[in-house]
Amino acid sequence: MDLVAQLPNAVTERGPEYANLATVLVTLNPSEASLVQSVLEGSGVDAAVLDENLSRVETPLSIVIGGMKVVVPRDQEELALEILNEYRDRPAQDAGEEEGSSVDDGYRCLHCHALLEPEALVCGKCGQQPFD
């Protein structure tokens, strides 16, 4: 039997602990995987990178296993994809702008994940205190 045919080709084939995870990004670039994980976690989404260490050590094998996978709980998949689309659609930072002054530098509500108005004490979407 061919080794490649024996390797799992989806997160759900790895075992029951992975059955409730959804893959939101597959990449061969470890920096991109870490950046996406950070963006998602900074927005309140639980995210993990699978196969990161194997991909860093053995690049040809990482191609065979499909690269690194950024995964999130299935119940946060839609939100994670929305956040990634917002992140990708942001305009690139101009050289003349101050570092850190991008369009989406705001905070998100911990309850509904909506972007908050500057200095908001109550979320405009769900009406709760956003940081409690």
Protein backbone atom coordinates (compact mmCIF):
# COMPACT_ATOMS: atom_id res chain seq x y z
CA MET A 1 0.00 0.00 0.00
CA ASP A 2 1.25 3.44 -0.91
CA LEU A 3 2.28 5.54 2.13
CA VAL A 4 0.48 8.60 0.79
CA ALA A 5 -2.79 6.66 0.62
CA GLN A 6 -2.43 5.84 4.33
CA LEU A 7 -2.03 9.46 5.48
CA PRO A 8 -5.14 11.28 6.70
CA ASN A 9 -6.40 13.78 4.16
CA ALA A 10 -8.86 15.59 6.43
CA VAL A 11 -8.86 16.75 10.02
CA THR A 12 -11.85 14.53 10.83
CA GLU A 13 -9.92 11.37 9.89
CA ARG A 14 -7.41 11.92 12.70
CA GLY A 15 -9.66 10.81 15.52
CA PRO A 16 -12.63 11.83 17.63
CA GLU A 17 -10.83 14.76 19.29
CA TYR A 18 -10.57 16.42 15.86
CA ALA A 19 -14.15 15.73 14.73
CA ASN A 20 -15.46 19.09 15.97
CA LEU A 21 -12.76 21.15 14.25
CA ALA A 22 -13.04 22.97 10.93
CA THR A 23 -10.07 23.88 8.75
CA VAL A 24 -10.08 27.57 7.79
CA LEU A 25 -6.63 27.75 6.16
CA VAL A 26 -4.11 25.35 4.63
CA THR A 27 -0.66 26.74 3.91
CA LEU A 28 2.97 25.71 3.50
CA ASN A 29 4.11 29.00 5.03
CA PRO A 30 4.65 28.76 8.83
CA SER A 31 4.59 32.56 9.19
CA GLU A 32 1.20 32.79 7.48
CA ALA A 33 -0.21 30.02 9.69
CA SER A 34 1.01 31.78 12.86
CA LEU A 35 -0.29 35.14 11.68
CA VAL A 36 -3.75 33.75 10.91
CA GLN A 37 -3.84 31.98 14.28
CA SER A 38 -2.94 35.26 16.01
CA VAL A 39 -5.56 37.24 14.09
CA LEU A 40 -8.26 34.72 15.00
CA GLU A 41 -7.26 34.45 18.66
CA GLY A 42 -7.09 38.24 18.91
CA SER A 43 -10.69 38.34 17.73
CA GLY A 44 -11.83 35.83 20.34
CA VAL A 45 -11.82 32.69 18.18
CA ASP A 46 -10.07 29.57 19.50
CA ALA A 47 -7.54 28.57 16.83
CA ALA A 48 -4.74 26.03 16.53
CA VAL A 49 -2.17 25.10 13.89
CA LEU A 50 -1.91 21.40 13.05
CA ASP A 51 1.20 19.80 11.52
CA GLU A 52 3.26 22.93 12.21
CA ASN A 53 6.33 21.20 13.64
CA LEU A 54 6.43 18.52 10.97
CA SER A 55 6.13 21.15 8.26
CA ARG A 56 8.98 23.22 9.71
CA VAL A 57 11.32 20.24 9.95
CA GLU A 58 10.55 18.27 6.80
CA THR A 59 9.38 20.46 3.91
CA PRO A 60 8.91 17.67 1.31
CA LEU A 61 6.79 15.71 3.77
CA SER A 62 4.74 18.82 4.55
CA ILE A 63 3.76 18.94 0.87
CA VAL A 64 2.66 15.30 1.02
CA ILE A 65 0.53 15.84 4.16
CA GLY A 66 -0.97 19.00 2.72
CA GLY A 67 0.88 21.63 4.74
CA MET A 68 -0.15 23.27 7.99
CA LYS A 69 -3.83 23.57 8.83
CA VAL A 70 -5.32 26.37 10.91
CA VAL A 71 -8.35 24.87 12.64
CA VAL A 72 -11.15 26.29 14.76
CA PRO A 73 -14.12 24.74 16.59
CA ARG A 74 -16.96 24.07 14.13
CA ASP A 75 -19.27 26.43 16.01
CA GLN A 76 -16.78 29.28 15.35
CA GLU A 77 -16.05 28.43 11.71
CA GLU A 78 -18.37 31.03 10.17
CA LEU A 79 -17.03 33.78 12.43
CA ALA A 80 -13.42 32.75 11.71
CA LEU A 81 -13.98 32.88 7.95
CA GLU A 82 -15.65 36.29 8.28
CA ILE A 83 -12.68 37.61 10.29
CA LEU A 84 -10.20 36.22 7.75
CA ASN A 85 -12.13 37.82 4.88
CA GLU A 86 -12.16 41.18 6.71
CA TYR A 87 -8.44 40.83 7.36
CA ARG A 88 -7.63 40.00 3.73
CA ASP A 89 -9.81 42.84 2.43
CA ARG A 90 -8.08 45.52 4.53
CA PRO A 91 -6.18 48.06 2.52
CA ALA A 92 -2.42 47.66 2.67
CA GLN A 93 -0.71 50.04 5.04
CA ASP A 94 0.89 53.00 3.29
CA ALA A 95 4.51 53.80 4.07
CA GLY A 96 3.48 57.25 5.34
CA GLU A 97 0.99 55.93 7.91
CA GLU A 98 1.91 55.33 11.49
CA GLU A 99 2.51 51.70 12.34
CA GLY A 100 -0.57 50.13 13.88
CA SER A 101 -3.05 52.63 12.43
CA SER A 102 -4.98 50.33 10.12
CA VAL A 103 -8.68 50.36 9.34
CA ASP A 104 -9.57 47.48 11.70
CA ASP A 105 -7.48 48.29 14.77
CA GLY A 106 -10.56 48.30 17.00
CA TYR A 107 -11.61 45.87 19.66
CA ARG A 108 -14.27 43.18 19.33
CA CYS A 109 -17.03 42.34 21.79
CA LEU A 110 -16.25 39.13 23.67
CA HIS A 111 -19.93 38.10 23.46
CA CYS A 112 -20.91 38.67 19.82
CA HIS A 113 -17.50 39.53 18.25
CA ALA A 114 -18.81 42.74 16.68
CA LEU A 115 -16.31 45.55 16.10
CA LEU A 116 -16.68 48.15 18.84
CA GLU A 117 -16.85 51.88 18.48
CA PRO A 118 -13.87 53.71 20.05
CA GLU A 119 -14.25 53.96 23.83
CA ALA A 120 -17.55 52.01 23.77
CA LEU A 121 -18.73 50.83 27.18
CA VAL A 122 -21.64 48.85 25.72
CA CYS A 123 -21.66 46.81 22.51
CA GLY A 124 -23.88 48.39 19.88
CA LYS A 125 -24.85 44.98 18.48
CA CYS A 126 -25.68 42.86 21.55
CA GLY A 127 -26.03 45.58 24.22
CA GLN A 128 -23.65 43.86 26.70
CA GLN A 129 -20.50 45.19 28.28
CA PRO A 130 -17.95 44.05 25.71
CA PHE A 131 -15.10 43.04 28.01
CA ASP A 132 -16.94 41.18 30.78
